[in-house]
């Protein structure tokens, strides 16, 4: 089974959207393509860091639902 990549993804709390692999700056007045390679590289790095953080939080939350192994404490 293949996993499809979303065609459009908004960077959290920002006016930036990645559509089909390109970064766009979005406002009420319209959108403009971000073409500066340094800027778009930073956006790529930030998006990757946010995705890694989201995965880490999801992992921690799933571990909270697991029972403690015997001998791991858990009692005070």
PDB file of N, CA and C in Angstrom:
ATOM      1  N   UNK A   1       0.854  -1.180   0.000  1.00  0.00           N
ATOM      2  CA  UNK A   1       0.000   0.000   0.000  1.00  0.00           C
ATOM      3  C   UNK A   1       0.892   1.232   0.000  1.00  0.00           C
ATOM      4  N   UNK A   2       0.655   2.157  -0.889  1.00  0.00           N
ATOM      5  CA  UNK A   2       1.469   3.361  -0.956  1.00  0.00           C
ATOM      6  C   UNK A   2       0.815   4.492  -0.187  1.00  0.00           C
ATOM      7  N   UNK A   3       1.658   5.356   0.344  1.00  0.00           N
ATOM      8  CA  UNK A   3       1.170   6.512   1.074  1.00  0.00           C
ATOM      9  C   UNK A   3       1.318   7.725   0.174  1.00  0.00           C
ATOM     10  N   UNK A   4       0.251   8.463  -0.004  1.00  0.00           N
ATOM     11  CA  UNK A   4       0.330   9.646  -0.853  1.00  0.00           C
ATOM     12  C   UNK A   4       0.739  10.858  -0.033  1.00  0.00           C
ATOM     13  N   UNK A   5       1.484  11.737  -0.654  1.00  0.00           N
ATOM     14  CA  UNK A   5       1.908  12.971  -0.023  1.00  0.00           C
ATOM     15  C   UNK A   5       0.829  14.019  -0.252  1.00  0.00           C
ATOM     16  N   UNK A   6       0.481  14.771   0.802  1.00  0.00           N
ATOM     17  CA  UNK A   6      -0.543  15.797   0.595  1.00  0.00           C
ATOM     18  C   UNK A   6      -0.081  16.829  -0.433  1.00  0.00           C
ATOM     19  N   UNK A   7      -1.000  17.266  -1.264  1.00  0.00           N
ATOM     20  CA  UNK A   7      -0.656  18.246  -2.297  1.00  0.00           C
ATOM     21  C   UNK A   7      -0.444  19.630  -1.699  1.00  0.00           C
ATOM     22  N   UNK A   8      -1.107  19.918  -0.585  1.00  0.00           N
ATOM     23  CA  UNK A   8      -1.002  21.231   0.031  1.00  0.00           C
ATOM     24  C   UNK A   8      -0.894  21.062   1.541  1.00  0.00           C
ATOM     25  N   UNK A   9       0.048  21.778   2.127  1.00  0.00           N
ATOM     26  CA  UNK A   9       0.226  21.677   3.574  1.00  0.00           C
ATOM     27  C   UNK A   9       0.620  23.047   4.126  1.00  0.00           C
ATOM     28  N   UNK A  10      -0.123  23.489   5.123  1.00  0.00           N
ATOM     29  CA  UNK A  10       0.144  24.785   5.739  1.00  0.00           C
ATOM     30  C   UNK A  10       1.132  24.603   6.872  1.00  0.00           C
ATOM     31  N   UNK A  11       2.107  25.487   6.948  1.00  0.00           N
ATOM     32  CA  UNK A  11       3.059  25.480   8.044  1.00  0.00           C
ATOM     33  C   UNK A  11       2.383  26.143   9.237  1.00  0.00           C
ATOM     34  N   UNK A  12       2.331  25.431  10.354  1.00  0.00           N
ATOM     35  CA  UNK A  12       1.582  25.845  11.537  1.00  0.00           C
ATOM     36  C   UNK A  12       1.919  27.279  11.941  1.00  0.00           C
ATOM     37  N   UNK A  13       0.872  28.028  12.248  1.00  0.00           N
ATOM     38  CA  UNK A  13       0.981  29.409  12.732  1.00  0.00           C
ATOM     39  C   UNK A  13       1.798  30.316  11.803  1.00  0.00           C
ATOM     40  N   UNK A  14       1.652  30.126  10.521  1.00  0.00           N
ATOM     41  CA  UNK A  14       2.386  30.975   9.578  1.00  0.00           C
ATOM     42  C   UNK A  14       1.540  31.212   8.329  1.00  0.00           C
ATOM     43  N   UNK A  15       1.889  32.227   7.577  1.00  0.00           N
ATOM     44  CA  UNK A  15       1.192  32.481   6.316  1.00  0.00           C
ATOM     45  C   UNK A  15       1.879  31.756   5.160  1.00  0.00           C
ATOM     46  N   UNK A  16       2.435  30.572   5.434  1.00  0.00           N
ATOM     47  CA  UNK A  16       3.205  29.838   4.436  1.00  0.00           C
ATOM     48  C   UNK A  16       2.544  28.489   4.163  1.00  0.00           C
ATOM     49  N   UNK A  17       2.428  28.148   2.883  1.00  0.00           N
ATOM     50  CA  UNK A  17       1.825  26.895   2.462  1.00  0.00           C
ATOM     51  C   UNK A  17       2.747  26.242   1.432  1.00  0.00           C
ATOM     52  N   UNK A  18       2.921  24.904   1.543  1.00  0.00           N
ATOM     53  CA  UNK A  18       3.669  24.175   0.517  1.00  0.00           C
ATOM     54  C   UNK A  18       2.655  23.471  -0.364  1.00  0.00           C
ATOM     55  N   UNK A  19       2.672  23.817  -1.644  1.00  0.00           N
ATOM     56  CA  UNK A  19       1.766  23.220  -2.629  1.00  0.00           C
ATOM     57  C   UNK A  19       2.602  22.556  -3.709  1.00  0.00           C
ATOM     58  N   UNK A  20       2.401  21.261  -3.873  1.00  0.00           N
ATOM     59  CA  UNK A  20       3.109  20.506  -4.907  1.00  0.00           C
ATOM     60  C   UNK A  20       4.618  20.737  -4.852  1.00  0.00           C
ATOM     61  N   UNK A  21       5.155  20.792  -3.624  1.00  0.00           N
ATOM     62  CA  UNK A  21       6.597  20.925  -3.443  1.00  0.00           C
ATOM     63  C   UNK A  21       7.139  22.338  -3.511  1.00  0.00           C
ATOM     64  N   UNK A  22       6.283  23.321  -3.688  1.00  0.00           N
ATOM     65  CA  UNK A  22       6.728  24.717  -3.741  1.00  0.00           C
ATOM     66  C   UNK A  22       6.116  25.488  -2.580  1.00  0.00           C
ATOM     67  N   UNK A  23       6.897  26.403  -1.993  1.00  0.00           N
ATOM     68  CA  UNK A  23       6.420  27.225  -0.877  1.00  0.00           C
ATOM     69  C   UNK A  23       5.767  28.490  -1.412  1.00  0.00           C
ATOM     70  N   UNK A  24       4.624  28.827  -0.810  1.00  0.00           N
ATOM     71  CA  UNK A  24       3.873  30.028  -1.161  1.00  0.00           C
ATOM     72  C   UNK A  24       3.631  30.848   0.090  1.00  0.00           C
ATOM     73  N   UNK A  25       3.762  32.164  -0.029  1.00  0.00           N
ATOM     74  CA  UNK A  25       3.381  33.092   1.033  1.00  0.00           C
ATOM     75  C   UNK A  25       1.949  33.514   0.737  1.00  0.00           C
ATOM     76  N   UNK A  26       1.065  33.354   1.731  1.00  0.00           N
ATOM     77  CA  UNK A  26      -0.362  33.539   1.504  1.00  0.00           C
ATOM     78  C   UNK A  26      -0.889  34.643   2.410  1.00  0.00           C
ATOM     79  N   UNK A  27      -1.710  35.518   1.835  1.00  0.00           N
ATOM     80  CA  UNK A  27      -2.384  36.559   2.621  1.00  0.00           C
ATOM     81  C   UNK A  27      -3.783  36.741   2.050  1.00  0.00           C
ATOM     82  N   UNK A  28      -4.536  37.596   2.681  1.00  0.00           N
ATOM     83  CA  UNK A  28      -5.874  37.889   2.189  1.00  0.00           C
ATOM     84  C   UNK A  28      -5.869  38.535   0.819  1.00  0.00           C
ATOM     85  N   UNK A  29      -4.754  39.180   0.474  1.00  0.00           N
ATOM     86  CA  UNK A  29      -4.644  39.851  -0.811  1.00  0.00           C
ATOM     87  C   UNK A  29      -4.232  38.909  -1.938  1.00  0.00           C
ATOM     88  N   UNK A  30      -3.740  37.717  -1.581  1.00  0.00           N
ATOM     89  CA  UNK A  30      -3.321  36.768  -2.611  1.00  0.00           C
ATOM     90  C   UNK A  30      -2.124  35.952  -2.168  1.00  0.00           C
ATOM     91  N   UNK A  31      -1.510  35.277  -3.108  1.00  0.00           N
ATOM     92  CA  UNK A  31      -0.370  34.405  -2.818  1.00  0.00           C
ATOM     93  C   UNK A  31       0.805  34.772  -3.711  1.00  0.00           C
ATOM     94  N   UNK A  32       2.001  34.527  -3.205  1.00  0.00           N
ATOM     95  CA  UNK A  32       3.209  34.763  -3.996  1.00  0.00           C
ATOM     96  C   UNK A  32       4.144  33.573  -3.789  1.00  0.00           C
ATOM     97  N   UNK A  33       4.731  33.099  -4.868  1.00  0.00           N
ATOM     98  CA  UNK A  33       5.646  31.969  -4.822  1.00  0.00           C
ATOM     99  C   UNK A  33       6.964  32.391  -4.180  1.00  0.00           C
ATOM    100  N   UNK A  34       7.428  31.614  -3.210  1.00  0.00           N
ATOM    101  CA  UNK A  34       8.731  31.871  -2.583  1.00  0.00           C
ATOM    102  C   UNK A  34       9.788  31.174  -3.441  1.00  0.00           C
ATOM    103  N   UNK A  35      10.735  31.943  -3.976  1.00  0.00           N
ATOM    104  CA  UNK A  35      11.720  31.379  -4.890  1.00  0.00           C
ATOM    105  C   UNK A  35      13.145  31.440  -4.360  1.00  0.00           C
ATOM    106  N   UNK A  36      13.373  32.157  -3.270  1.00  0.00           N
ATOM    107  CA  UNK A  36      14.728  32.270  -2.728  1.00  0.00           C
ATOM    108  C   UNK A  36      15.149  30.924  -2.138  1.00  0.00           C
ATOM    109  N   UNK A  37      16.230  30.311  -2.648  1.00  0.00           N
ATOM    110  CA  UNK A  37      16.611  28.977  -2.181  1.00  0.00           C
ATOM    111  C   UNK A  37      17.020  28.939  -0.706  1.00  0.00           C
ATOM    112  N   UNK A  38      17.594  29.997  -0.193  1.00  0.00           N
ATOM    113  CA  UNK A  38      17.958  30.030   1.229  1.00  0.00           C
ATOM    114  C   UNK A  38      16.706  30.041   2.087  1.00  0.00           C
ATOM    115  N   UNK A  39      15.753  30.876   1.724  1.00  0.00           N
ATOM    116  CA  UNK A  39      14.495  30.975   2.471  1.00  0.00           C
ATOM    117  C   UNK A  39      13.713  29.670   2.407  1.00  0.00           C
ATOM    118  N   UNK A  40      13.552  29.115   1.209  1.00  0.00           N
ATOM    119  CA  UNK A  40      12.784  27.880   1.077  1.00  0.00           C
ATOM    120  C   UNK A  40      13.499  26.705   1.756  1.00  0.00           C
ATOM    121  N   UNK A  41      14.827  26.743   1.774  1.00  0.00           N
ATOM    122  CA  UNK A  41      15.574  25.708   2.495  1.00  0.00           C
ATOM    123  C   UNK A  41      15.306  25.773   3.988  1.00  0.00           C
ATOM    124  N   UNK A  42      15.241  26.984   4.523  1.00  0.00           N
ATOM    125  CA  UNK A  42      14.908  27.157   5.945  1.00  0.00           C
ATOM    126  C   UNK A  42      13.483  26.678   6.222  1.00  0.00           C
ATOM    127  N   UNK A  43      12.564  26.970   5.314  1.00  0.00           N
ATOM    128  CA  UNK A  43      11.191  26.494   5.480  1.00  0.00           C
ATOM    129  C   UNK A  43      11.143  24.967   5.458  1.00  0.00           C
ATOM    130  N   UNK A  44      11.908  24.347   4.556  1.00  0.00           N
ATOM    131  CA  UNK A  44      11.969  22.877   4.510  1.00  0.00           C
ATOM    132  C   UNK A  44      12.484  22.321   5.836  1.00  0.00           C
ATOM    133  N   UNK A  45      13.556  22.929   6.360  1.00  0.00           N
ATOM    134  CA  UNK A  45      14.122  22.473   7.629  1.00  0.00           C
ATOM    135  C   UNK A  45      13.151  22.640   8.784  1.00  0.00           C
ATOM    136  N   UNK A  46      12.463  23.779   8.814  1.00  0.00           N
ATOM    137  CA  UNK A  46      11.496  24.023   9.872  1.00  0.00           C
ATOM    138  C   UNK A  46      10.326  23.044   9.781  1.00  0.00           C
ATOM    139  N   UNK A  47       9.845  22.796   8.566  1.00  0.00           N
ATOM    140  CA  UNK A  47       8.742  21.852   8.385  1.00  0.00           C
ATOM    141  C   UNK A  47       9.154  20.446   8.821  1.00  0.00           C
ATOM    142  N   UNK A  48      10.385  20.048   8.504  1.00  0.00           N
ATOM    143  CA  UNK A  48      10.879  18.729   8.919  1.00  0.00           C
ATOM    144  C   UNK A  48      10.985  18.647  10.440  1.00  0.00           C
ATOM    145  N   UNK A  49      11.456  19.716  11.075  1.00  0.00           N
ATOM    146  CA  UNK A  49      11.566  19.732  12.538  1.00  0.00           C
ATOM    147  C   UNK A  49      10.185  19.669  13.186  1.00  0.00           C
ATOM    148  N   UNK A  50       9.219  20.374  12.631  1.00  0.00           N
ATOM    149  CA  UNK A  50       7.854  20.334  13.170  1.00  0.00           C
ATOM    150  C   UNK A  50       7.260  18.936  13.017  1.00  0.00           C
ATOM    151  N   UNK A  51       7.504  18.289  11.883  1.00  0.00           N
ATOM    152  CA  UNK A  51       6.987  16.927  11.675  1.00  0.00           C
ATOM    153  C   UNK A  51       7.626  15.952  12.662  1.00  0.00           C
ATOM    154  N   UNK A  52       8.933  16.107  12.902  1.00  0.00           N
ATOM    155  CA  UNK A  52       9.619  15.240  13.867  1.00  0.00           C
ATOM    156  C   UNK A  52       9.072  15.465  15.275  1.00  0.00           C
ATOM    157  N   UNK A  53       8.816  16.717  15.627  1.00  0.00           N
ATOM    158  CA  UNK A  53       8.256  17.022  16.940  1.00  0.00           C
ATOM    159  C   UNK A  53       6.853  16.435  17.081  1.00  0.00           C
ATOM    160  N   UNK A  54       6.050  16.531  16.038  1.00  0.00           N
ATOM    161  CA  UNK A  54       4.699  15.948  16.071  1.00  0.00           C
ATOM    162  C   UNK A  54       4.766  14.436  16.263  1.00  0.00           C
ATOM    163  N   UNK A  55       5.714  13.779  15.579  1.00  0.00           N
ATOM    164  CA  UNK A  55       5.863  12.329  15.744  1.00  0.00           C
ATOM    165  C   UNK A  55       6.303  11.981  17.158  1.00  0.00           C
ATOM    166  N   UNK A  56       7.218  12.773  17.727  1.00  0.00           N
ATOM    167  CA  UNK A  56       7.695  12.512  19.092  1.00  0.00           C
ATOM    168  C   UNK A  56       6.565  12.667  20.107  1.00  0.00           C
ATOM    169  N   UNK A  57       5.743  13.683  19.947  1.00  0.00           N
ATOM    170  CA  UNK A  57       4.611  13.890  20.852  1.00  0.00           C
ATOM    171  C   UNK A  57       3.610  12.743  20.712  1.00  0.00           C
ATOM    172  N   UNK A  58       3.336  12.335  19.487  1.00  0.00           N
ATOM    173  CA  UNK A  58       2.414  11.216  19.277  1.00  0.00           C
ATOM    174  C   UNK A  58       2.960   9.945  19.912  1.00  0.00           C
ATOM    175  N   UNK A  59       4.271   9.726  19.819  1.00  0.00           N
ATOM    176  CA  UNK A  59       4.894   8.557  20.437  1.00  0.00           C
ATOM    177  C   UNK A  59       4.768   8.606  21.956  1.00  0.00           C
ATOM    178  N   UNK A  60       5.017   9.770  22.528  1.00  0.00           N
ATOM    179  CA  UNK A  60       4.875   9.909  23.985  1.00  0.00           C
ATOM    180  C   UNK A  60       3.438   9.668  24.424  1.00  0.00           C
ATOM    181  N   UNK A  61       2.492  10.175  23.674  1.00  0.00           N
ATOM    182  CA  UNK A  61       1.087   9.975  24.030  1.00  0.00           C
ATOM    183  C   UNK A  61       0.695   8.510  23.940  1.00  0.00           C
ATOM    184  N   UNK A  62       1.206   7.805  22.937  1.00  0.00           N
ATOM    185  CA  UNK A  62       0.864   6.383  22.818  1.00  0.00           C
ATOM    186  C   UNK A  62       1.505   5.580  23.943  1.00  0.00           C
ATOM    187  N   UNK A  63       2.674   6.011  24.413  1.00  0.00           N
ATOM    188  CA  UNK A  63       3.319   5.321  25.528  1.00  0.00           C
ATOM    189  C   UNK A  63       2.567   5.532  26.838  1.00  0.00           C
ATOM    190  N   UNK A  64       1.875   6.638  26.988  1.00  0.00           N
ATOM    191  CA  UNK A  64       1.103   6.888  28.203  1.00  0.00           C
ATOM    192  C   UNK A  64      -0.019   5.876  28.344  1.00  0.00           C
ATOM    193  N   UNK A  65      -0.491   5.345  27.241  1.00  0.00           N
ATOM    194  CA  UNK A  65      -1.594   4.385  27.263  1.00  0.00           C
ATOM    195  C   UNK A  65      -1.120   2.966  27.550  1.00  0.00           C
ATOM    196  N   UNK A  66       0.196   2.717  27.487  1.00  0.00           N
ATOM    197  CA  UNK A  66       0.730   1.381  27.735  1.00  0.00           C
ATOM    198  C   UNK A  66       0.872   1.138  29.235  1.00  0.00           C
ATOM    199  N   UNK A  67       0.573  -0.094  29.688  1.00  0.00           N
ATOM    200  CA  UNK A  67       0.770  -0.390  31.112  1.00  0.00           C
ATOM    201  C   UNK A  67       2.264  -0.450  31.439  1.00  0.00           C
ATOM    202  N   UNK A  68       2.607  -0.102  32.677  1.00  0.00           N
ATOM    203  CA  UNK A  68       3.996  -0.162  33.117  1.00  0.00           C
ATOM    204  C   UNK A  68       4.429  -1.623  33.255  1.00  0.00           C
ATOM    205  N   UNK A  69       5.663  -1.875  32.896  1.00  0.00           N
ATOM    206  CA  UNK A  69       6.218  -3.222  33.054  1.00  0.00           C
ATOM    207  C   UNK A  69       6.483  -3.464  34.541  1.00  0.00           C
ATOM    208  N   UNK A  70       6.383  -4.732  34.990  1.00  0.00           N
ATOM    209  CA  UNK A  70       6.668  -5.021  36.408  1.00  0.00           C
ATOM    210  C   UNK A  70       8.085  -4.594  36.767  1.00  0.00           C
ATOM    211  N   UNK A  71       8.224  -3.982  37.933  1.00  0.00           N
ATOM    212  CA  UNK A  71       9.548  -3.546  38.390  1.00  0.00           C
ATOM    213  C   UNK A  71       9.954  -2.169  37.905  1.00  0.00           C
ATOM    214  N   UNK A  72       9.080  -1.511  37.157  1.00  0.00           N
ATOM    215  CA  UNK A  72       9.413  -0.173  36.650  1.00  0.00           C
ATOM    216  C   UNK A  72       8.969   0.928  37.597  1.00  0.00           C
ATOM    217  N   UNK A  73       8.474   0.565  38.727  1.00  0.00           N
ATOM    218  CA  UNK A  73       8.006   1.588  39.668  1.00  0.00           C
ATOM    219  C   UNK A  73       6.572   1.911  39.382  1.00  0.00           C
ATOM    220  N   UNK A  74       6.275   3.166  39.343  1.00  0.00           N
ATOM    221  CA  UNK A  74       4.912   3.569  39.105  1.00  0.00           C
ATOM    222  C   UNK A  74       4.121   3.811  40.366  1.00  0.00           C
ATOM    223  N   UNK A  75       4.650   3.370  41.494  1.00  0.00           N
ATOM    224  CA  UNK A  75       3.983   3.629  42.767  1.00  0.00           C
ATOM    225  C   UNK A  75       4.862   4.555  43.599  1.00  0.00           C
ATOM    226  N   UNK A  76       4.220   5.368  44.351  1.00  0.00           N
ATOM    227  CA  UNK A  76       4.971   6.282  45.229  1.00  0.00           C
ATOM    228  C   UNK A  76       4.646   5.998  46.654  1.00  0.00           C
TER     229      UNK A  76
END
